[in-house]
Amino acid sequence: MKALLFVGVLLASVSMVFAESTNVATKAQTTCPVMGGGVDQKIFVDYQGQRIYFCCSGCSTAFNKDPEKYMKKFKEQGVMLEKVKK
């Protein structure tokens, strides 16, 4: 009986973890990661196969100084970046 209860709790826990990890909504990038305003699709940086848009060239320079800071921000916000077309 204890083993059955343990298996049930284990399955419930795994289900909850899986549901939480897939609950992050993904959305397209619409705001500049540096300033938070709207993006200009003529101003971008390609980073690790993904295209990041900015509101101005100054923001792309700031991004290049610490790209992982902004990539982490995208991930936390559920932003799905555009893949670079080869």
PDB file of N, CA and C in Angstrom:
ATOM      1  N   MET A   1       0.816  -1.196   0.000  1.00  0.00           N
ATOM      2  CA  MET A   1       0.000   0.000   0.000  1.00  0.00           C
ATOM      3  C   MET A   1       0.860   1.260   0.000  1.00  0.00           C
ATOM      4  N   LYS A   2       1.936   1.247   0.820  1.00  0.00           N
ATOM      5  CA  LYS A   2       2.822   2.398   0.880  1.00  0.00           C
ATOM      6  C   LYS A   2       3.510   2.614  -0.478  1.00  0.00           C
ATOM      7  N   ALA A   3       3.875   1.531  -1.122  1.00  0.00           N
ATOM      8  CA  ALA A   3       4.546   1.632  -2.420  1.00  0.00           C
ATOM      9  C   ALA A   3       3.610   2.246  -3.454  1.00  0.00           C
ATOM     10  N   LEU A   4       2.350   1.842  -3.415  1.00  0.00           N
ATOM     11  CA  LEU A   4       1.368   2.392  -4.349  1.00  0.00           C
ATOM     12  C   LEU A   4       1.155   3.884  -4.104  1.00  0.00           C
ATOM     13  N   LEU A   5       1.091   4.270  -2.845  1.00  0.00           N
ATOM     14  CA  LEU A   5       0.937   5.682  -2.494  1.00  0.00           C
ATOM     15  C   LEU A   5       2.160   6.473  -2.958  1.00  0.00           C
ATOM     16  N   PHE A   6       3.344   5.910  -2.761  1.00  0.00           N
ATOM     17  CA  PHE A   6       4.583   6.567  -3.183  1.00  0.00           C
ATOM     18  C   PHE A   6       4.594   6.785  -4.695  1.00  0.00           C
ATOM     19  N   VAL A   7       4.223   5.765  -5.443  1.00  0.00           N
ATOM     20  CA  VAL A   7       4.178   5.873  -6.902  1.00  0.00           C
ATOM     21  C   VAL A   7       3.179   6.949  -7.327  1.00  0.00           C
ATOM     22  N   GLY A   8       2.033   7.005  -6.672  1.00  0.00           N
ATOM     23  CA  GLY A   8       1.027   8.015  -6.992  1.00  0.00           C
ATOM     24  C   GLY A   8       1.538   9.426  -6.739  1.00  0.00           C
ATOM     25  N   VAL A   9       2.192   9.623  -5.602  1.00  0.00           N
ATOM     26  CA  VAL A   9       2.755  10.940  -5.275  1.00  0.00           C
ATOM     27  C   VAL A   9       3.858  11.305  -6.268  1.00  0.00           C
ATOM     28  N   LEU A  10       4.688  10.344  -6.596  1.00  0.00           N
ATOM     29  CA  LEU A  10       5.765  10.584  -7.553  1.00  0.00           C
ATOM     30  C   LEU A  10       5.213  10.992  -8.919  1.00  0.00           C
ATOM     31  N   LEU A  11       4.214  10.280  -9.396  1.00  0.00           N
ATOM     32  CA  LEU A  11       3.614  10.613 -10.693  1.00  0.00           C
ATOM     33  C   LEU A  11       2.957  11.994 -10.663  1.00  0.00           C
ATOM     34  N   ALA A  12       2.296  12.321  -9.588  1.00  0.00           N
ATOM     35  CA  ALA A  12       1.666  13.632  -9.457  1.00  0.00           C
ATOM     36  C   ALA A  12       2.721  14.733  -9.470  1.00  0.00           C
ATOM     37  N   SER A  13       3.824  14.511  -8.785  1.00  0.00           N
ATOM     38  CA  SER A  13       4.903  15.502  -8.738  1.00  0.00           C
ATOM     39  C   SER A  13       5.512  15.723 -10.109  1.00  0.00           C
ATOM     40  N   VAL A  14       5.776  14.640 -10.818  1.00  0.00           N
ATOM     41  CA  VAL A  14       6.347  14.747 -12.160  1.00  0.00           C
ATOM     42  C   VAL A  14       5.390  15.486 -13.086  1.00  0.00           C
ATOM     43  N   SER A  15       4.118  15.198 -12.985  1.00  0.00           N
ATOM     44  CA  SER A  15       3.116  15.863 -13.813  1.00  0.00           C
ATOM     45  C   SER A  15       3.086  17.358 -13.542  1.00  0.00           C
ATOM     46  N   MET A  16       3.185  17.743 -12.273  1.00  0.00           N
ATOM     47  CA  MET A  16       3.160  19.165 -11.911  1.00  0.00           C
ATOM     48  C   MET A  16       4.389  19.883 -12.442  1.00  0.00           C
ATOM     49  N   VAL A  17       5.558  19.257 -12.330  1.00  0.00           N
ATOM     50  CA  VAL A  17       6.787  19.866 -12.835  1.00  0.00           C
ATOM     51  C   VAL A  17       6.702  20.037 -14.340  1.00  0.00           C
ATOM     52  N   PHE A  18       6.238  19.024 -15.038  1.00  0.00           N
ATOM     53  CA  PHE A  18       6.112  19.107 -16.492  1.00  0.00           C
ATOM     54  C   PHE A  18       5.124  20.200 -16.884  1.00  0.00           C
ATOM     55  N   ALA A  19       4.014  20.297 -16.206  1.00  0.00           N
ATOM     56  CA  ALA A  19       3.007  21.314 -16.516  1.00  0.00           C
ATOM     57  C   ALA A  19       3.563  22.704 -16.291  1.00  0.00           C
ATOM     58  N   GLU A  20       4.337  22.909 -15.229  1.00  0.00           N
ATOM     59  CA  GLU A  20       4.921  24.225 -14.960  1.00  0.00           C
ATOM     60  C   GLU A  20       5.951  24.585 -16.011  1.00  0.00           C
ATOM     61  N   SER A  21       6.758  23.628 -16.457  1.00  0.00           N
ATOM     62  CA  SER A  21       7.801  23.931 -17.425  1.00  0.00           C
ATOM     63  C   SER A  21       7.229  24.232 -18.807  1.00  0.00           C
ATOM     64  N   THR A  22       6.060  23.713 -19.118  1.00  0.00           N
ATOM     65  CA  THR A  22       5.464  23.980 -20.421  1.00  0.00           C
ATOM     66  C   THR A  22       4.445  25.113 -20.357  1.00  0.00           C
ATOM     67  N   ASN A  23       4.264  25.693 -19.194  1.00  0.00           N
ATOM     68  CA  ASN A  23       3.285  26.749 -19.013  1.00  0.00           C
ATOM     69  C   ASN A  23       3.784  28.115 -19.469  1.00  0.00           C
ATOM     70  N   VAL A  24       5.072  28.253 -19.761  1.00  0.00           N
ATOM     71  CA  VAL A  24       5.619  29.536 -20.169  1.00  0.00           C
ATOM     72  C   VAL A  24       5.123  29.839 -21.578  1.00  0.00           C
ATOM     73  N   ALA A  25       4.362  30.896 -21.674  1.00  0.00           N
ATOM     74  CA  ALA A  25       3.845  31.291 -22.981  1.00  0.00           C
ATOM     75  C   ALA A  25       4.980  31.856 -23.815  1.00  0.00           C
ATOM     76  N   THR A  26       4.995  31.509 -25.069  1.00  0.00           N
ATOM     77  CA  THR A  26       6.003  32.071 -25.954  1.00  0.00           C
ATOM     78  C   THR A  26       5.353  33.130 -26.818  1.00  0.00           C
ATOM     79  N   LYS A  27       6.100  34.190 -27.025  1.00  0.00           N
ATOM     80  CA  LYS A  27       5.593  35.288 -27.829  1.00  0.00           C
ATOM     81  C   LYS A  27       6.730  35.857 -28.652  1.00  0.00           C
ATOM     82  N   ALA A  28       6.389  36.516 -29.723  1.00  0.00           N
ATOM     83  CA  ALA A  28       7.389  37.126 -30.593  1.00  0.00           C
ATOM     84  C   ALA A  28       7.958  38.369 -29.927  1.00  0.00           C
ATOM     85  N   GLN A  29       9.180  38.724 -30.285  1.00  0.00           N
ATOM     86  CA  GLN A  29       9.794  39.920 -29.733  1.00  0.00           C
ATOM     87  C   GLN A  29       9.147  41.162 -30.330  1.00  0.00           C
ATOM     88  N   THR A  30       8.624  42.012 -29.480  1.00  0.00           N
ATOM     89  CA  THR A  30       8.015  43.270 -29.934  1.00  0.00           C
ATOM     90  C   THR A  30       8.630  44.483 -29.255  1.00  0.00           C
ATOM     91  N   THR A  31       9.423  44.246 -28.209  1.00  0.00           N
ATOM     92  CA  THR A  31      10.034  45.360 -27.496  1.00  0.00           C
ATOM     93  C   THR A  31      11.551  45.220 -27.454  1.00  0.00           C
ATOM     94  N   CYS A  32      12.211  46.352 -27.368  1.00  0.00           N
ATOM     95  CA  CYS A  32      13.669  46.409 -27.270  1.00  0.00           C
ATOM     96  C   CYS A  32      14.090  45.837 -25.913  1.00  0.00           C
ATOM     97  N   PRO A  33      15.052  44.917 -25.892  1.00  0.00           N
ATOM     98  CA  PRO A  33      15.461  44.331 -24.616  1.00  0.00           C
ATOM     99  C   PRO A  33      16.200  45.313 -23.719  1.00  0.00           C
ATOM    100  N   VAL A  34      16.723  46.379 -24.288  1.00  0.00           N
ATOM    101  CA  VAL A  34      17.498  47.336 -23.504  1.00  0.00           C
ATOM    102  C   VAL A  34      16.612  48.445 -22.950  1.00  0.00           C
ATOM    103  N   MET A  35      15.870  49.127 -23.805  1.00  0.00           N
ATOM    104  CA  MET A  35      15.065  50.275 -23.391  1.00  0.00           C
ATOM    105  C   MET A  35      13.586  49.938 -23.152  1.00  0.00           C
ATOM    106  N   GLY A  36      13.114  48.846 -23.721  1.00  0.00           N
ATOM    107  CA  GLY A  36      11.738  48.436 -23.491  1.00  0.00           C
ATOM    108  C   GLY A  36      10.712  49.027 -24.449  1.00  0.00           C
ATOM    109  N   GLY A  37      11.156  49.889 -25.366  1.00  0.00           N
ATOM    110  CA  GLY A  37      10.235  50.470 -26.340  1.00  0.00           C
ATOM    111  C   GLY A  37      10.032  49.558 -27.538  1.00  0.00           C
ATOM    112  N   GLY A  38       9.282  50.035 -28.510  1.00  0.00           N
ATOM    113  CA  GLY A  38       9.056  49.271 -29.736  1.00  0.00           C
ATOM    114  C   GLY A  38      10.342  49.087 -30.522  1.00  0.00           C
ATOM    115  N   VAL A  39      10.379  48.048 -31.336  1.00  0.00           N
ATOM    116  CA  VAL A  39      11.586  47.756 -32.109  1.00  0.00           C
ATOM    117  C   VAL A  39      11.487  48.288 -33.533  1.00  0.00           C
ATOM    118  N   ASP A  40      12.643  48.543 -34.111  1.00  0.00           N
ATOM    119  CA  ASP A  40      12.782  48.901 -35.521  1.00  0.00           C
ATOM    120  C   ASP A  40      13.434  47.691 -36.180  1.00  0.00           C
ATOM    121  N   GLN A  41      12.728  47.019 -37.064  1.00  0.00           N
ATOM    122  CA  GLN A  41      13.257  45.776 -37.635  1.00  0.00           C
ATOM    123  C   GLN A  41      14.437  45.990 -38.587  1.00  0.00           C
ATOM    124  N   LYS A  42      14.840  47.225 -38.777  1.00  0.00           N
ATOM    125  CA  LYS A  42      16.050  47.508 -39.554  1.00  0.00           C
ATOM    126  C   LYS A  42      17.291  47.494 -38.658  1.00  0.00           C
ATOM    127  N   ILE A  43      17.068  47.510 -37.338  1.00  0.00           N
ATOM    128  CA  ILE A  43      18.179  47.523 -36.386  1.00  0.00           C
ATOM    129  C   ILE A  43      18.154  46.214 -35.609  1.00  0.00           C
ATOM    130  N   PHE A  44      19.152  45.382 -35.860  1.00  0.00           N
ATOM    131  CA  PHE A  44      19.173  44.066 -35.216  1.00  0.00           C
ATOM    132  C   PHE A  44      20.593  43.549 -35.082  1.00  0.00           C
ATOM    133  N   VAL A  45      20.735  42.532 -34.253  1.00  0.00           N
ATOM    134  CA  VAL A  45      21.977  41.795 -34.079  1.00  0.00           C
ATOM    135  C   VAL A  45      21.619  40.324 -34.177  1.00  0.00           C
ATOM    136  N   ASP A  46      22.429  39.553 -34.870  1.00  0.00           N
ATOM    137  CA  ASP A  46      22.265  38.104 -34.899  1.00  0.00           C
ATOM    138  C   ASP A  46      23.186  37.525 -33.837  1.00  0.00           C
ATOM    139  N   TYR A  47      22.598  36.781 -32.913  1.00  0.00           N
ATOM    140  CA  TYR A  47      23.362  36.219 -31.806  1.00  0.00           C
ATOM    141  C   TYR A  47      22.981  34.751 -31.634  1.00  0.00           C
ATOM    142  N   GLN A  48      23.956  33.891 -31.762  1.00  0.00           N
ATOM    143  CA  GLN A  48      23.768  32.443 -31.603  1.00  0.00           C
ATOM    144  C   GLN A  48      22.598  31.924 -32.426  1.00  0.00           C
ATOM    145  N   GLY A  49      22.524  32.356 -33.678  1.00  0.00           N
ATOM    146  CA  GLY A  49      21.496  31.860 -34.589  1.00  0.00           C
ATOM    147  C   GLY A  49      20.125  32.484 -34.405  1.00  0.00           C
ATOM    148  N   GLN A  50      20.044  33.526 -33.592  1.00  0.00           N
ATOM    149  CA  GLN A  50      18.768  34.189 -33.346  1.00  0.00           C
ATOM    150  C   GLN A  50      18.904  35.678 -33.634  1.00  0.00           C
ATOM    151  N   ARG A  51      17.840  36.267 -34.111  1.00  0.00           N
ATOM    152  CA  ARG A  51      17.830  37.689 -34.452  1.00  0.00           C
ATOM    153  C   ARG A  51      17.170  38.480 -33.331  1.00  0.00           C
ATOM    154  N   ILE A  52      17.886  39.493 -32.839  1.00  0.00           N
ATOM    155  CA  ILE A  52      17.386  40.350 -31.773  1.00  0.00           C
ATOM    156  C   ILE A  52      17.226  41.755 -32.339  1.00  0.00           C
ATOM    157  N   TYR A  53      16.026  42.319 -32.187  1.00  0.00           N
ATOM    158  CA  TYR A  53      15.726  43.655 -32.707  1.00  0.00           C
ATOM    159  C   TYR A  53      15.828  44.696 -31.593  1.00  0.00           C
ATOM    160  N   PHE A  54      16.133  45.931 -32.000  1.00  0.00           N
ATOM    161  CA  PHE A  54      16.312  47.037 -31.055  1.00  0.00           C
ATOM    162  C   PHE A  54      15.584  48.272 -31.544  1.00  0.00           C
ATOM    163  N   CYS A  55      15.452  49.235 -30.636  1.00  0.00           N
ATOM    164  CA  CYS A  55      14.806  50.496 -31.007  1.00  0.00           C
ATOM    165  C   CYS A  55      15.799  51.456 -31.656  1.00  0.00           C
ATOM    166  N   CYS A  56      17.087  51.314 -31.334  1.00  0.00           N
ATOM    167  CA  CYS A  56      18.112  52.197 -31.896  1.00  0.00           C
ATOM    168  C   CYS A  56      19.469  51.496 -31.883  1.00  0.00           C
ATOM    169  N   SER A  57      20.425  52.038 -32.596  1.00  0.00           N
ATOM    170  CA  SER A  57      21.744  51.407 -32.676  1.00  0.00           C
ATOM    171  C   SER A  57      22.475  51.439 -31.338  1.00  0.00           C
ATOM    172  N   GLY A  58      22.180  52.424 -30.499  1.00  0.00           N
ATOM    173  CA  GLY A  58      22.793  52.474 -29.167  1.00  0.00           C
ATOM    174  C   GLY A  58      22.434  51.256 -28.333  1.00  0.00           C
ATOM    175  N   CYS A  59      21.217  50.783 -28.494  1.00  0.00           N
ATOM    176  CA  CYS A  59      20.775  49.602 -27.743  1.00  0.00           C
ATOM    177  C   CYS A  59      21.467  48.336 -28.241  1.00  0.00           C
ATOM    178  N   SER A  60      21.746  48.262 -29.525  1.00  0.00           N
ATOM    179  CA  SER A  60      22.456  47.086 -30.036  1.00  0.00           C
ATOM    180  C   SER A  60      23.878  47.061 -29.480  1.00  0.00           C
ATOM    181  N   THR A  61      24.480  48.235 -29.308  1.00  0.00           N
ATOM    182  CA  THR A  61      25.812  48.326 -28.709  1.00  0.00           C
ATOM    183  C   THR A  61      25.772  47.868 -27.257  1.00  0.00           C
ATOM    184  N   ALA A  62      24.759  48.299 -26.515  1.00  0.00           N
ATOM    185  CA  ALA A  62      24.602  47.876 -25.115  1.00  0.00           C
ATOM    186  C   ALA A  62      24.399  46.360 -25.033  1.00  0.00           C
ATOM    187  N   PHE A  63      23.607  45.806 -25.933  1.00  0.00           N
ATOM    188  CA  PHE A  63      23.369  44.363 -25.968  1.00  0.00           C
ATOM    189  C   PHE A  63      24.682  43.612 -26.162  1.00  0.00           C
ATOM    190  N   ASN A  64      25.512  44.072 -27.090  1.00  0.00           N
ATOM    191  CA  ASN A  64      26.773  43.395 -27.398  1.00  0.00           C
ATOM    192  C   ASN A  64      27.752  43.398 -26.236  1.00  0.00           C
ATOM    193  N   LYS A  65      27.600  44.320 -25.288  1.00  0.00           N
ATOM    194  CA  LYS A  65      28.486  44.358 -24.124  1.00  0.00           C
ATOM    195  C   LYS A  65      28.184  43.224 -23.147  1.00  0.00           C
ATOM    196  N   ASP A  66      26.924  42.790 -23.065  1.00  0.00           N
ATOM    197  CA  ASP A  66      26.528  41.716 -22.144  1.00  0.00           C
ATOM    198  C   ASP A  66      25.307  40.977 -22.692  1.00  0.00           C
ATOM    199  N   PRO A  67      25.478  40.253 -23.807  1.00  0.00           N
ATOM    200  CA  PRO A  67      24.318  39.618 -24.449  1.00  0.00           C
ATOM    201  C   PRO A  67      23.587  38.609 -23.575  1.00  0.00           C
ATOM    202  N   GLU A  68      24.285  37.886 -22.734  1.00  0.00           N
ATOM    203  CA  GLU A  68      23.625  36.861 -21.919  1.00  0.00           C
ATOM    204  C   GLU A  68      22.641  37.473 -20.920  1.00  0.00           C
ATOM    205  N   LYS A  69      22.906  38.676 -20.477  1.00  0.00           N
ATOM    206  CA  LYS A  69      21.982  39.379 -19.588  1.00  0.00           C
ATOM    207  C   LYS A  69      20.617  39.528 -20.261  1.00  0.00           C
ATOM    208  N   TYR A  70      20.634  39.894 -21.525  1.00  0.00           N
ATOM    209  CA  TYR A  70      19.385  40.128 -22.259  1.00  0.00           C
ATOM    210  C   TYR A  70      18.760  38.818 -22.730  1.00  0.00           C
ATOM    211  N   MET A  71      19.589  37.826 -23.041  1.00  0.00           N
ATOM    212  CA  MET A  71      19.051  36.528 -23.444  1.00  0.00           C
ATOM    213  C   MET A  71      18.298  35.896 -22.270  1.00  0.00           C
ATOM    214  N   LYS A  72      18.818  36.063 -21.071  1.00  0.00           N
ATOM    215  CA  LYS A  72      18.148  35.555 -19.876  1.00  0.00           C
ATOM    216  C   LYS A  72      16.795  36.253 -19.699  1.00  0.00           C
ATOM    217  N   LYS A  73      16.780  37.533 -19.953  1.00  0.00           N
ATOM    218  CA  LYS A  73      15.547  38.319 -19.847  1.00  0.00           C
ATOM    219  C   LYS A  73      14.494  37.808 -20.839  1.00  0.00           C
ATOM    220  N   PHE A  74      14.913  37.535 -22.075  1.00  0.00           N
ATOM    221  CA  PHE A  74      13.992  36.989 -23.078  1.00  0.00           C
ATOM    222  C   PHE A  74      13.398  35.673 -22.593  1.00  0.00           C
ATOM    223  N   LYS A  75      14.254  34.814 -22.076  1.00  0.00           N
ATOM    224  CA  LYS A  75      13.803  33.493 -21.620  1.00  0.00           C
ATOM    225  C   LYS A  75      12.789  33.632 -20.486  1.00  0.00           C
ATOM    226  N   GLU A  76      13.091  34.501 -19.528  1.00  0.00           N
ATOM    227  CA  GLU A  76      12.180  34.710 -18.392  1.00  0.00           C
ATOM    228  C   GLU A  76      10.821  35.249 -18.836  1.00  0.00           C
ATOM    229  N   GLN A  77      10.828  36.067 -19.891  1.00  0.00           N
ATOM    230  CA  GLN A  77       9.589  36.666 -20.384  1.00  0.00           C
ATOM    231  C   GLN A  77       8.859  35.784 -21.386  1.00  0.00           C
ATOM    232  N   GLY A  78       9.458  34.655 -21.747  1.00  0.00           N
ATOM    233  CA  GLY A  78       8.827  33.751 -22.705  1.00  0.00           C
ATOM    234  C   GLY A  78       8.852  34.269 -24.126  1.00  0.00           C
ATOM    235  N   VAL A  79       9.860  35.092 -24.448  1.00  0.00           N
ATOM    236  CA  VAL A  79       9.970  35.650 -25.798  1.00  0.00           C
ATOM    237  C   VAL A  79      10.672  34.641 -26.703  1.00  0.00           C
ATOM    238  N   MET A  80      10.027  34.320 -27.817  1.00  0.00           N
ATOM    239  CA  MET A  80      10.599  33.405 -28.800  1.00  0.00           C
ATOM    240  C   MET A  80      11.272  34.262 -29.878  1.00  0.00           C
ATOM    241  N   LEU A  81      12.583  34.185 -29.940  1.00  0.00           N
ATOM    242  CA  LEU A  81      13.331  34.983 -30.911  1.00  0.00           C
ATOM    243  C   LEU A  81      13.271  34.370 -32.298  1.00  0.00           C
ATOM    244  N   GLU A  82      13.358  35.225 -33.268  1.00  0.00           N
ATOM    245  CA  GLU A  82      13.334  34.806 -34.663  1.00  0.00           C
ATOM    246  C   GLU A  82      14.650  34.097 -34.998  1.00  0.00           C
ATOM    247  N   LYS A  83      14.554  32.967 -35.667  1.00  0.00           N
ATOM    248  CA  LYS A  83      15.742  32.248 -36.118  1.00  0.00           C
ATOM    249  C   LYS A  83      16.349  32.974 -37.319  1.00  0.00           C
ATOM    250  N   VAL A  84      17.671  33.004 -37.385  1.00  0.00           N
ATOM    251  CA  VAL A  84      18.367  33.651 -38.504  1.00  0.00           C
ATOM    252  C   VAL A  84      18.226  32.760 -39.728  1.00  0.00           C
ATOM    253  N   LYS A  85      17.773  33.360 -40.814  1.00  0.00           N
ATOM    254  CA  LYS A  85      17.633  32.625 -42.072  1.00  0.00           C
ATOM    255  C   LYS A  85      18.969  32.654 -42.791  1.00  0.00           C
ATOM    256  N   LYS A  86      19.405  31.479 -43.185  1.00  0.00           N
ATOM    257  CA  LYS A  86      20.714  31.370 -43.851  1.00  0.00           C
ATOM    258  C   LYS A  86      20.570  31.502 -45.343  1.00  0.00           C
TER     259      LYS A  86
END
